[in-house]
Amino acid sequence: MLTIDPHPLLEAAAFTTTFPAPLGEIQVPASVRALLTPGAAAPLSADEAVRSAVRDLLRHGGYKPTGRGKPSSEYLVRAVAEGALGSINAAVDTCNAVSLHSGLPISVIDLDRATPPLRLGIARPGEKYVFNASGQEIDLGGLLCLFDAEGPSANGVKDAQRTKTHAGTRRTLSVLWGTRALAGRAREAAAWYRNLLEEAGATTDVVAE
């Protein structure tokens, strides 16, 4: 269900999740909420080498991963430290917890809002999408993205508004934007991520590793 364009650095992991009820009816597990607090213990931890490798991955196609365009995993570190990261739902909170501790940006989309075929590749110059309810856009040129039949829908910086999860979401696709410079890290993070979701009653299926 997912094809990956040739890329010298990308080592992605991806899986689908089916939740036992709509996300609006599922309580975020206390174990996940705990992972989103300063100093929380976790199986993985990030450092400067991870941060640098992730930026190199996103930079490869010509994108500049700095300022407001930095990897989402870096945003999480600051938001958690400042106590500014609010809970969204079980899917997004679990994604954020794994991204925070692994140092890898992760995308999670509502699978039923995406139109197959799905593909990972680099966006062309001029491609954009709206990434929040206010209608703000991100310039995607040169950035690794998840594409569906309608165009780019997610990446390691900001995911598209049109395929984001919501209270009625039952099925999601998660993409971990790993790099060969951190061999095996995306697979390890995905295994932990899936375990957290399955402990909460969801079922998962690997689509790329």
N, C-alpha and C. Protein backbone atom coordinates (compact mmCIF):
# COMPACT_ATOMS: atom_id res chain seq x y z
N MET A 1 0.81 -1.21 0.00
CA MET A 1 0.00 0.00 0.00
C MET A 1 0.84 1.26 0.00
N LEU A 2 2.17 1.11 0.13
CA LEU A 2 3.07 2.27 0.20
C LEU A 2 4.32 1.99 -0.62
N THR A 3 4.59 2.86 -1.58
CA THR A 3 5.83 2.75 -2.35
C THR A 3 6.78 3.86 -1.89
N ILE A 4 8.07 3.59 -2.02
CA ILE A 4 9.09 4.53 -1.57
C ILE A 4 10.04 4.83 -2.73
N ASP A 5 10.12 6.10 -3.10
CA ASP A 5 11.04 6.49 -4.17
C ASP A 5 12.48 6.27 -3.71
N PRO A 6 13.39 5.98 -4.66
CA PRO A 6 14.80 5.83 -4.28
C PRO A 6 15.33 7.09 -3.59
N HIS A 7 16.08 6.88 -2.52
CA HIS A 7 16.63 8.00 -1.75
C HIS A 7 17.89 7.49 -1.05
N PRO A 8 18.99 8.22 -1.13
CA PRO A 8 20.25 7.72 -0.56
C PRO A 8 20.31 7.70 0.96
N LEU A 9 19.41 8.43 1.63
CA LEU A 9 19.48 8.54 3.09
C LEU A 9 18.27 7.97 3.82
N LEU A 10 17.12 7.97 3.17
CA LEU A 10 15.88 7.60 3.86
C LEU A 10 15.87 6.14 4.30
N GLU A 11 15.54 5.94 5.57
CA GLU A 11 15.30 4.60 6.10
C GLU A 11 14.00 4.69 6.90
N ALA A 12 12.89 4.66 6.19
CA ALA A 12 11.59 4.88 6.80
C ALA A 12 11.03 3.59 7.38
N ALA A 13 10.15 3.76 8.36
CA ALA A 13 9.33 2.68 8.86
C ALA A 13 7.89 3.18 8.84
N ALA A 14 6.95 2.30 8.52
CA ALA A 14 5.55 2.72 8.45
C ALA A 14 4.64 1.57 8.85
N PHE A 15 3.53 1.92 9.46
CA PHE A 15 2.55 0.91 9.82
C PHE A 15 1.16 1.54 9.93
N THR A 16 0.15 0.70 9.81
CA THR A 16 -1.22 1.15 9.99
C THR A 16 -1.70 0.75 11.38
N THR A 17 -2.64 1.50 11.90
CA THR A 17 -3.24 1.21 13.20
C THR A 17 -4.76 1.25 13.07
N THR A 18 -5.42 0.27 13.66
CA THR A 18 -6.88 0.27 13.75
C THR A 18 -7.26 0.34 15.21
N PHE A 19 -8.02 1.36 15.56
CA PHE A 19 -8.41 1.59 16.95
C PHE A 19 -9.74 0.90 17.24
N PRO A 20 -9.96 0.50 18.49
CA PRO A 20 -11.19 -0.22 18.84
C PRO A 20 -12.44 0.65 18.86
N ALA A 21 -12.25 1.96 18.80
CA ALA A 21 -13.35 2.92 18.80
C ALA A 21 -12.84 4.20 18.17
N PRO A 22 -13.72 5.14 17.83
CA PRO A 22 -13.26 6.43 17.32
C PRO A 22 -12.36 7.11 18.35
N LEU A 23 -11.36 7.85 17.88
CA LEU A 23 -10.40 8.46 18.79
C LEU A 23 -11.05 9.35 19.84
N GLY A 24 -12.15 9.97 19.49
CA GLY A 24 -12.84 10.83 20.45
C GLY A 24 -13.40 10.08 21.65
N GLU A 25 -13.48 8.76 21.53
CA GLU A 25 -14.01 7.94 22.62
C GLU A 25 -12.92 7.19 23.38
N ILE A 26 -11.67 7.38 22.98
CA ILE A 26 -10.57 6.65 23.60
C ILE A 26 -9.77 7.57 24.51
N GLN A 27 -9.58 7.14 25.72
CA GLN A 27 -8.78 7.93 26.67
C GLN A 27 -7.30 7.71 26.40
N VAL A 28 -6.52 8.76 26.46
CA VAL A 28 -5.07 8.65 26.29
C VAL A 28 -4.51 7.90 27.51
N PRO A 29 -3.78 6.80 27.30
CA PRO A 29 -3.24 6.05 28.44
C PRO A 29 -2.33 6.91 29.32
N ALA A 30 -2.39 6.67 30.61
CA ALA A 30 -1.55 7.42 31.54
C ALA A 30 -0.07 7.22 31.23
N SER A 31 0.28 6.03 30.74
CA SER A 31 1.68 5.75 30.41
C SER A 31 2.18 6.63 29.28
N VAL A 32 1.30 6.95 28.33
CA VAL A 32 1.67 7.84 27.22
C VAL A 32 1.78 9.27 27.72
N ARG A 33 0.82 9.70 28.52
CA ARG A 33 0.87 11.06 29.07
C ARG A 33 2.15 11.27 29.87
N ALA A 34 2.56 10.24 30.60
CA ALA A 34 3.78 10.34 31.41
C ALA A 34 5.02 10.53 30.54
N LEU A 35 5.02 9.92 29.36
CA LEU A 35 6.17 10.05 28.46
C LEU A 35 6.33 11.46 27.92
N LEU A 36 5.27 12.26 28.02
CA LEU A 36 5.31 13.62 27.49
C LEU A 36 5.56 14.65 28.60
N THR A 37 6.28 14.23 29.62
CA THR A 37 6.66 15.13 30.70
C THR A 37 8.18 15.24 30.74
N PRO A 38 8.72 16.37 31.18
CA PRO A 38 10.18 16.55 31.22
C PRO A 38 10.86 15.48 32.06
N GLY A 39 11.93 14.92 31.52
CA GLY A 39 12.73 13.95 32.25
C GLY A 39 12.17 12.54 32.28
N ALA A 40 11.11 12.27 31.53
CA ALA A 40 10.51 10.93 31.53
C ALA A 40 11.49 9.89 31.00
N ALA A 41 11.49 8.72 31.62
CA ALA A 41 12.34 7.61 31.17
C ALA A 41 11.68 6.92 29.99
N ALA A 42 12.50 6.49 29.01
CA ALA A 42 11.99 5.84 27.82
C ALA A 42 13.05 4.91 27.24
N PRO A 43 12.64 3.94 26.40
CA PRO A 43 13.60 3.01 25.81
C PRO A 43 14.61 3.66 24.87
N LEU A 44 14.26 4.81 24.32
CA LEU A 44 15.13 5.52 23.40
C LEU A 44 15.36 6.94 23.90
N SER A 45 16.50 7.50 23.56
CA SER A 45 16.77 8.90 23.87
C SER A 45 17.55 9.52 22.72
N ALA A 46 17.30 10.78 22.48
CA ALA A 46 17.94 11.47 21.35
C ALA A 46 19.08 12.34 21.85
N ASP A 47 19.98 12.67 20.94
CA ASP A 47 21.10 13.55 21.26
C ASP A 47 21.42 14.40 20.04
N GLU A 48 22.51 15.14 20.10
CA GLU A 48 22.86 16.03 19.01
C GLU A 48 23.14 15.28 17.72
N ALA A 49 23.71 14.08 17.82
CA ALA A 49 23.99 13.29 16.63
C ALA A 49 22.70 12.90 15.90
N VAL A 50 21.66 12.57 16.67
CA VAL A 50 20.36 12.24 16.07
C VAL A 50 19.78 13.48 15.41
N ARG A 51 19.81 14.60 16.12
CA ARG A 51 19.27 15.84 15.56
C ARG A 51 19.95 16.21 14.26
N SER A 52 21.27 16.10 14.22
CA SER A 52 22.03 16.45 13.03
C SER A 52 21.72 15.52 11.86
N ALA A 53 21.60 14.22 12.15
CA ALA A 53 21.32 13.24 11.09
C ALA A 53 19.94 13.45 10.49
N VAL A 54 18.97 13.79 11.33
CA VAL A 54 17.61 14.04 10.83
C VAL A 54 17.59 15.28 9.96
N ARG A 55 18.29 16.33 10.38
CA ARG A 55 18.35 17.54 9.54
C ARG A 55 19.02 17.25 8.20
N ASP A 56 20.06 16.43 8.20
CA ASP A 56 20.73 16.07 6.95
C ASP A 56 19.77 15.33 6.02
N LEU A 57 18.94 14.47 6.59
CA LEU A 57 17.96 13.74 5.80
C LEU A 57 17.00 14.69 5.10
N LEU A 58 16.45 15.64 5.85
CA LEU A 58 15.48 16.56 5.28
C LEU A 58 16.13 17.57 4.34
N ARG A 59 17.39 17.84 4.55
CA ARG A 59 18.12 18.80 3.74
C ARG A 59 18.50 18.24 2.36
N HIS A 60 18.54 16.93 2.22
CA HIS A 60 19.08 16.29 1.01
C HIS A 60 18.42 16.79 -0.28
N GLY A 61 17.11 16.98 -0.28
CA GLY A 61 16.42 17.38 -1.51
C GLY A 61 16.45 18.87 -1.77
N GLY A 62 17.10 19.63 -0.88
CA GLY A 62 17.19 21.07 -1.06
C GLY A 62 16.37 21.86 -0.05
N TYR A 63 15.60 21.18 0.77
CA TYR A 63 14.81 21.85 1.80
C TYR A 63 15.74 22.36 2.91
N LYS A 64 15.35 23.45 3.56
CA LYS A 64 16.15 24.00 4.66
C LYS A 64 15.42 23.78 5.98
N PRO A 65 15.84 22.78 6.78
CA PRO A 65 15.13 22.42 8.01
C PRO A 65 15.53 23.28 9.21
N THR A 66 15.27 24.56 9.11
CA THR A 66 15.65 25.49 10.18
C THR A 66 14.47 26.40 10.53
N GLY A 67 14.61 27.13 11.62
CA GLY A 67 13.57 28.08 12.01
C GLY A 67 12.22 27.41 12.17
N ARG A 68 11.19 28.01 11.57
CA ARG A 68 9.85 27.44 11.64
C ARG A 68 9.72 26.16 10.82
N GLY A 69 10.73 25.89 9.99
CA GLY A 69 10.70 24.69 9.16
C GLY A 69 11.53 23.55 9.72
N LYS A 70 11.86 23.62 11.01
CA LYS A 70 12.69 22.57 11.59
C LYS A 70 11.87 21.29 11.78
N PRO A 71 12.55 20.14 11.93
CA PRO A 71 11.85 18.87 12.12
C PRO A 71 10.89 18.93 13.31
N SER A 72 9.76 18.25 13.18
CA SER A 72 8.75 18.25 14.23
C SER A 72 9.28 17.69 15.54
N SER A 73 10.24 16.78 15.47
CA SER A 73 10.82 16.20 16.68
C SER A 73 11.54 17.25 17.51
N GLU A 74 12.13 18.24 16.87
CA GLU A 74 12.79 19.32 17.60
C GLU A 74 11.77 20.24 18.27
N TYR A 75 10.67 20.47 17.59
CA TYR A 75 9.60 21.27 18.19
C TYR A 75 9.10 20.62 19.48
N LEU A 76 8.96 19.28 19.46
CA LEU A 76 8.44 18.58 20.63
C LEU A 76 9.35 18.75 21.84
N VAL A 77 10.65 18.71 21.63
CA VAL A 77 11.59 18.87 22.74
C VAL A 77 11.36 20.20 23.44
N ARG A 78 11.23 21.25 22.67
CA ARG A 78 11.02 22.58 23.25
C ARG A 78 9.64 22.69 23.90
N ALA A 79 8.61 22.17 23.23
CA ALA A 79 7.25 22.28 23.75
C ALA A 79 7.10 21.55 25.08
N VAL A 80 7.69 20.36 25.19
CA VAL A 80 7.61 19.60 26.44
C VAL A 80 8.38 20.32 27.55
N ALA A 81 9.57 20.84 27.23
CA ALA A 81 10.37 21.54 28.23
C ALA A 81 9.65 22.76 28.76
N GLU A 82 8.85 23.41 27.90
CA GLU A 82 8.14 24.63 28.29
C GLU A 82 6.74 24.34 28.84
N GLY A 83 6.36 23.07 28.84
CA GLY A 83 5.02 22.72 29.30
C GLY A 83 3.93 23.20 28.37
N ALA A 84 4.27 23.31 27.08
CA ALA A 84 3.34 23.88 26.11
C ALA A 84 2.70 22.86 25.19
N LEU A 85 2.90 21.57 25.48
CA LEU A 85 2.36 20.54 24.60
C LEU A 85 1.08 19.97 25.20
N GLY A 86 -0.05 20.32 24.61
CA GLY A 86 -1.32 19.82 25.09
C GLY A 86 -1.66 18.46 24.50
N SER A 87 -2.57 17.76 25.14
CA SER A 87 -3.03 16.46 24.64
C SER A 87 -3.98 16.66 23.47
N ILE A 88 -3.88 15.80 22.45
CA ILE A 88 -4.75 15.89 21.27
C ILE A 88 -5.67 14.67 21.20
N ASN A 89 -5.09 13.51 21.04
CA ASN A 89 -5.83 12.25 21.10
C ASN A 89 -4.83 11.12 21.25
N ALA A 90 -5.32 9.90 21.42
CA ALA A 90 -4.43 8.77 21.69
C ALA A 90 -3.45 8.52 20.55
N ALA A 91 -3.88 8.74 19.31
CA ALA A 91 -3.00 8.51 18.16
C ALA A 91 -1.88 9.53 18.11
N VAL A 92 -2.22 10.81 18.22
CA VAL A 92 -1.23 11.87 18.11
C VAL A 92 -0.32 11.91 19.34
N ASP A 93 -0.90 11.72 20.52
CA ASP A 93 -0.08 11.77 21.73
C ASP A 93 0.95 10.64 21.75
N THR A 94 0.55 9.46 21.30
CA THR A 94 1.50 8.34 21.25
C THR A 94 2.59 8.61 20.21
N CYS A 95 2.19 9.14 19.07
CA CYS A 95 3.15 9.54 18.04
C CYS A 95 4.14 10.55 18.61
N ASN A 96 3.64 11.55 19.32
CA ASN A 96 4.51 12.59 19.87
C ASN A 96 5.47 12.02 20.91
N ALA A 97 5.00 11.09 21.72
CA ALA A 97 5.86 10.50 22.74
C ALA A 97 7.04 9.76 22.11
N VAL A 98 6.76 8.98 21.09
CA VAL A 98 7.83 8.22 20.43
C VAL A 98 8.77 9.16 19.67
N SER A 99 8.23 10.16 19.03
CA SER A 99 9.06 11.12 18.31
C SER A 99 9.96 11.89 19.26
N LEU A 100 9.40 12.33 20.38
CA LEU A 100 10.17 13.08 21.38
C LEU A 100 11.39 12.29 21.84
N HIS A 101 11.20 11.04 22.18
CA HIS A 101 12.29 10.26 22.77
C HIS A 101 13.23 9.64 21.73
N SER A 102 12.71 9.32 20.56
CA SER A 102 13.57 8.73 19.52
C SER A 102 14.35 9.79 18.76
N GLY A 103 13.82 11.03 18.77
CA GLY A 103 14.43 12.10 17.99
C GLY A 103 14.08 12.07 16.52
N LEU A 104 13.21 11.13 16.12
CA LEU A 104 12.81 11.03 14.71
C LEU A 104 11.47 11.74 14.50
N PRO A 105 11.36 12.54 13.46
CA PRO A 105 10.04 13.10 13.14
C PRO A 105 9.11 11.97 12.69
N ILE A 106 7.87 12.05 13.08
CA ILE A 106 6.89 11.02 12.73
C ILE A 106 5.61 11.70 12.24
N SER A 107 5.05 11.18 11.18
CA SER A 107 3.76 11.64 10.68
C SER A 107 2.69 10.61 11.02
N VAL A 108 1.50 11.09 11.41
CA VAL A 108 0.36 10.19 11.58
C VAL A 108 -0.84 10.84 10.91
N ILE A 109 -1.47 10.10 10.00
CA ILE A 109 -2.60 10.62 9.25
C ILE A 109 -3.81 9.70 9.40
N ASP A 110 -4.99 10.26 9.14
CA ASP A 110 -6.21 9.46 9.09
C ASP A 110 -6.21 8.73 7.75
N LEU A 111 -6.12 7.42 7.81
CA LEU A 111 -5.99 6.63 6.59
C LEU A 111 -7.23 6.75 5.71
N ASP A 112 -8.39 6.98 6.31
CA ASP A 112 -9.62 7.08 5.54
C ASP A 112 -9.80 8.46 4.89
N ARG A 113 -8.93 9.40 5.25
CA ARG A 113 -8.96 10.71 4.59
C ARG A 113 -7.94 10.78 3.46
N ALA A 114 -7.13 9.76 3.31
CA ALA A 114 -6.13 9.71 2.24
C ALA A 114 -6.66 8.84 1.10
N THR A 115 -6.24 9.17 -0.11
CA THR A 115 -6.70 8.44 -1.29
C THR A 115 -5.52 7.70 -1.92
N PRO A 116 -5.54 6.36 -1.96
CA PRO A 116 -4.44 5.61 -2.57
C PRO A 116 -4.28 5.99 -4.04
N PRO A 117 -3.06 5.78 -4.58
CA PRO A 117 -1.90 5.12 -3.98
C PRO A 117 -1.10 6.06 -3.08
N LEU A 118 -0.37 5.48 -2.13
CA LEU A 118 0.46 6.24 -1.21
C LEU A 118 1.93 6.06 -1.56
N ARG A 119 2.70 7.13 -1.39
CA ARG A 119 4.10 7.10 -1.81
C ARG A 119 4.92 8.05 -0.94
N LEU A 120 6.18 7.68 -0.69
CA LEU A 120 7.13 8.58 -0.05
C LEU A 120 8.09 9.08 -1.11
N GLY A 121 8.28 10.39 -1.19
CA GLY A 121 9.19 10.97 -2.17
C GLY A 121 9.42 12.44 -1.88
N ILE A 122 10.19 13.08 -2.72
CA ILE A 122 10.54 14.49 -2.52
C ILE A 122 9.58 15.40 -3.29
N ALA A 123 9.07 16.41 -2.61
CA ALA A 123 8.13 17.34 -3.23
C ALA A 123 8.83 18.22 -4.26
N ARG A 124 8.10 18.57 -5.29
CA ARG A 124 8.62 19.43 -6.34
C ARG A 124 8.59 20.89 -5.92
N PRO A 125 9.42 21.73 -6.52
CA PRO A 125 9.38 23.17 -6.23
C PRO A 125 7.97 23.72 -6.45
N GLY A 126 7.52 24.53 -5.53
CA GLY A 126 6.21 25.14 -5.66
C GLY A 126 5.07 24.38 -5.01
N GLU A 127 5.30 23.13 -4.64
CA GLU A 127 4.23 22.38 -3.99
C GLU A 127 4.04 22.89 -2.56
N LYS A 128 2.79 22.99 -2.15
CA LYS A 128 2.44 23.50 -0.83
C LYS A 128 1.22 22.76 -0.32
N TYR A 129 0.98 22.90 0.98
CA TYR A 129 -0.33 22.51 1.51
C TYR A 129 -0.62 23.27 2.79
N VAL A 130 -1.90 23.30 3.15
CA VAL A 130 -2.35 23.92 4.39
C VAL A 130 -2.06 22.95 5.53
N PHE A 131 -1.46 23.45 6.62
CA PHE A 131 -1.08 22.54 7.70
C PHE A 131 -1.83 22.79 9.01
N ASN A 132 -2.70 23.79 9.05
CA ASN A 132 -3.47 23.99 10.28
C ASN A 132 -4.84 24.57 9.96
N ALA A 133 -5.69 24.63 10.99
CA ALA A 133 -7.07 25.08 10.80
C ALA A 133 -7.16 26.55 10.42
N SER A 134 -6.07 27.31 10.63
CA SER A 134 -6.06 28.73 10.29
C SER A 134 -5.78 28.98 8.82
N GLY A 135 -5.42 27.90 8.10
CA GLY A 135 -5.16 28.03 6.67
C GLY A 135 -3.73 28.36 6.31
N GLN A 136 -2.81 28.28 7.27
CA GLN A 136 -1.40 28.55 6.97
C GLN A 136 -0.82 27.45 6.08
N GLU A 137 0.09 27.86 5.19
CA GLU A 137 0.69 26.92 4.25
C GLU A 137 2.17 26.72 4.53
N ILE A 138 2.69 25.57 4.15
CA ILE A 138 4.11 25.30 4.19
C ILE A 138 4.59 25.04 2.77
N ASP A 139 5.71 25.65 2.40
CA ASP A 139 6.34 25.44 1.10
C ASP A 139 7.12 24.14 1.19
N LEU A 140 6.76 23.16 0.36
CA LEU A 140 7.29 21.81 0.47
C LEU A 140 8.46 21.51 -0.47
N GLY A 141 8.83 22.42 -1.33
CA GLY A 141 9.85 22.14 -2.33
C GLY A 141 11.11 21.52 -1.74
N GLY A 142 11.50 20.34 -2.23
CA GLY A 142 12.72 19.67 -1.79
C GLY A 142 12.57 18.85 -0.52
N LEU A 143 11.36 18.82 0.05
CA LEU A 143 11.15 18.13 1.33
C LEU A 143 10.56 16.74 1.10
N LEU A 144 11.09 15.74 1.80
CA LEU A 144 10.51 14.40 1.78
C LEU A 144 9.08 14.46 2.28
N CYS A 145 8.15 13.86 1.54
CA CYS A 145 6.75 13.89 1.91
C CYS A 145 6.08 12.54 1.67
N LEU A 146 4.97 12.35 2.36
CA LEU A 146 4.03 11.29 2.04
C LEU A 146 3.03 11.88 1.05
N PHE A 147 2.82 11.19 -0.05
CA PHE A 147 1.87 11.62 -1.07
C PHE A 147 0.72 10.63 -1.17
N ASP A 148 -0.49 11.15 -1.45
CA ASP A 148 -1.57 10.28 -1.88
C ASP A 148 -2.02 10.75 -3.26
N ALA A 149 -3.15 10.27 -3.73
CA ALA A 149 -3.58 10.61 -5.09
C ALA A 149 -3.86 12.09 -5.26
N GLU A 150 -4.09 12.80 -4.16
CA GLU A 150 -4.40 14.23 -4.24
C GLU A 150 -3.17 15.12 -4.08
N GLY A 151 -2.03 14.52 -3.77
CA GLY A 151 -0.81 15.30 -3.60
C GLY A 151 -0.14 15.03 -2.28
N PRO A 152 0.80 15.89 -1.88
CA PRO A 152 1.49 15.70 -0.61
C PRO A 152 0.53 15.82 0.57
N SER A 153 0.75 14.99 1.60
CA SER A 153 -0.18 14.99 2.73
C SER A 153 0.50 14.96 4.10
N ALA A 154 1.82 14.75 4.14
CA ALA A 154 2.51 14.72 5.43
C ALA A 154 4.01 14.76 5.19
N ASN A 155 4.76 15.14 6.23
CA ASN A 155 6.22 15.11 6.17
C ASN A 155 6.77 15.23 7.59
N GLY A 156 8.08 15.30 7.70
CA GLY A 156 8.71 15.34 9.00
C GLY A 156 8.73 16.71 9.65
N VAL A 157 8.02 17.67 9.08
CA VAL A 157 7.97 19.03 9.63
C VAL A 157 6.55 19.36 10.09
N LYS A 158 5.60 19.37 9.16
CA LYS A 158 4.20 19.66 9.47
C LYS A 158 3.31 18.84 8.54
N ASP A 159 2.35 18.14 9.11
CA ASP A 159 1.43 17.33 8.30
C ASP A 159 0.28 18.18 7.76
N ALA A 160 -0.31 17.72 6.67
CA ALA A 160 -1.39 18.47 6.02
C ALA A 160 -2.67 18.43 6.85
N GLN A 161 -3.38 19.52 6.85
CA GLN A 161 -4.65 19.61 7.57
C GLN A 161 -5.67 18.61 7.03
N ARG A 162 -5.66 18.38 5.72
CA ARG A 162 -6.72 17.58 5.10
C ARG A 162 -6.71 16.11 5.52
N THR A 163 -5.58 15.60 5.97
CA THR A 163 -5.54 14.19 6.36
C THR A 163 -5.23 13.99 7.85
N LYS A 164 -5.32 15.05 8.63
CA LYS A 164 -5.05 14.91 10.06
C LYS A 164 -6.14 14.09 10.75
N THR A 165 -5.77 13.50 11.87
CA THR A 165 -6.73 12.74 12.67
C THR A 165 -7.76 13.68 13.29
N HIS A 166 -8.89 13.10 13.71
CA HIS A 166 -9.98 13.86 14.30
C HIS A 166 -10.75 12.93 15.24
N ALA A 167 -11.80 13.42 15.85
CA ALA A 167 -12.53 12.64 16.85
C ALA A 167 -13.11 11.35 16.28
N GLY A 168 -13.42 11.34 14.98
CA GLY A 168 -14.02 10.15 14.38
C GLY A 168 -13.03 9.17 13.77
N THR A 169 -11.74 9.47 13.84
CA THR A 169 -10.73 8.61 13.23
C THR A 169 -10.73 7.21 13.84
N ARG A 170 -10.69 6.19 12.97
CA ARG A 170 -10.58 4.79 13.42
C ARG A 170 -9.32 4.12 12.90
N ARG A 171 -8.80 4.62 11.77
CA ARG A 171 -7.61 3.99 11.17
C ARG A 171 -6.57 5.06 10.85
N THR A 172 -5.32 4.78 11.16
CA THR A 172 -4.25 5.74 10.87
C THR A 172 -3.09 5.06 10.16
N LEU A 173 -2.29 5.88 9.51
CA LEU A 173 -0.99 5.46 8.96
C LEU A 173 0.07 6.30 9.65
N SER A 174 1.08 5.64 10.19
CA SER A 174 2.22 6.34 10.81
C SER A 174 3.46 6.12 9.97
N VAL A 175 4.21 7.20 9.73
CA VAL A 175 5.47 7.13 8.99
C VAL A 175 6.57 7.70 9.87
N LEU A 176 7.58 6.89 10.14
CA LEU A 176 8.75 7.35 10.90
C LEU A 176 9.83 7.71 9.91
N TRP A 177 10.25 8.96 9.93
CA TRP A 177 11.21 9.47 8.96
C TRP A 177 12.64 9.20 9.45
N GLY A 178 13.07 7.94 9.29
CA GLY A 178 14.39 7.54 9.73
C GLY A 178 15.44 7.74 8.66
N THR A 179 16.69 7.66 9.06
CA THR A 179 17.81 7.87 8.15
C THR A 179 18.84 6.75 8.27
N ARG A 180 19.48 6.44 7.17
CA ARG A 180 20.50 5.38 7.17
C ARG A 180 21.68 5.73 8.05
N ALA A 181 21.84 7.02 8.35
CA ALA A 181 22.91 7.44 9.26
C ALA A 181 22.63 6.96 10.69
N LEU A 182 21.37 6.59 10.95
CA LEU A 182 20.97 6.05 12.26
C LEU A 182 20.35 4.68 12.00
N ALA A 183 21.13 3.79 11.42
CA ALA A 183 20.64 2.49 10.95
C ALA A 183 19.88 1.73 12.03
N GLY A 184 18.68 1.30 11.69
CA GLY A 184 17.87 0.51 12.59
C GLY A 184 17.05 1.30 13.58
N ARG A 185 17.30 2.59 13.70
CA ARG A 185 16.60 3.38 14.72
C ARG A 185 15.10 3.51 14.41
N ALA A 186 14.76 3.71 13.15
CA ALA A 186 13.35 3.84 12.79
C ALA A 186 12.61 2.54 13.09
N ARG A 187 13.23 1.41 12.79
CA ARG A 187 12.60 0.12 13.06
C ARG A 187 12.41 -0.08 14.56
N GLU A 188 13.42 0.27 15.34
CA GLU A 188 13.34 0.11 16.79
C GLU A 188 12.26 1.02 17.38
N ALA A 189 12.22 2.26 16.90
CA ALA A 189 11.21 3.20 17.39
C ALA A 189 9.81 2.74 16.99
N ALA A 190 9.67 2.20 15.78
CA ALA A 190 8.36 1.73 15.33
C ALA A 190 7.87 0.56 16.16
N ALA A 191 8.78 -0.32 16.55
CA ALA A 191 8.39 -1.46 17.38
C ALA A 191 7.86 -0.99 18.73
N TRP A 192 8.53 -0.02 19.33
CA TRP A 192 8.08 0.54 20.61
C TRP A 192 6.74 1.25 20.43
N TYR A 193 6.63 2.03 19.38
CA TYR A 193 5.41 2.78 19.05
C TYR A 193 4.23 1.81 18.92
N ARG A 194 4.41 0.74 18.16
CA ARG A 194 3.34 -0.25 17.97
C ARG A 194 2.96 -0.90 19.30
N ASN A 195 3.95 -1.18 20.12
CA ASN A 195 3.67 -1.80 21.41
C ASN A 195 2.80 -0.89 22.30
N LEU A 196 3.11 0.40 22.30
CA LEU A 196 2.32 1.35 23.07
C LEU A 196 0.87 1.38 22.58
N LEU A 197 0.67 1.36 21.28
CA LEU A 197 -0.67 1.38 20.72
C LEU A 197 -1.43 0.09 21.01
N GLU A 198 -0.73 -1.03 20.90
CA GLU A 198 -1.38 -2.32 21.14
C GLU A 198 -1.73 -2.50 22.62
N GLU A 199 -0.93 -1.93 23.50
CA GLU A 199 -1.25 -1.96 24.93
C GLU A 199 -2.54 -1.18 25.22
N ALA A 200 -2.85 -0.24 24.35
CA ALA A 200 -4.06 0.57 24.51
C ALA A 200 -5.26 -0.04 23.78
N GLY A 201 -5.08 -1.25 23.21
CA GLY A 201 -6.18 -1.95 22.58
C GLY A 201 -6.26 -1.84 21.07
N ALA A 202 -5.32 -1.16 20.45
CA ALA A 202 -5.31 -1.02 18.99
C ALA A 202 -4.61 -2.22 18.35
N THR A 203 -4.82 -2.40 17.06
CA THR A 203 -4.08 -3.41 16.29
C THR A 203 -3.26 -2.69 15.25
N THR A 204 -2.07 -3.20 14.96
CA THR A 204 -1.18 -2.55 14.00
C THR A 204 -0.68 -3.55 12.96
N ASP A 205 -0.34 -3.03 11.79
CA ASP A 205 0.20 -3.83 10.70
C ASP A 205 1.31 -3.08 10.01
N VAL A 206 2.47 -3.71 9.90
CA VAL A 206 3.64 -3.09 9.28
C VAL A 206 3.43 -2.99 7.77
N VAL A 207 3.78 -1.82 7.20
CA VAL A 207 3.73 -1.66 5.75
C VAL A 207 5.10 -1.33 5.17
N ALA A 208 6.03 -0.90 6.01
CA ALA A 208 7.41 -0.65 5.56
C ALA A 208 8.33 -0.65 6.77
N GLU A 209 9.50 -1.30 6.61
CA GLU A 209 10.50 -1.25 7.68
C GLU A 209 11.86 -1.56 7.12
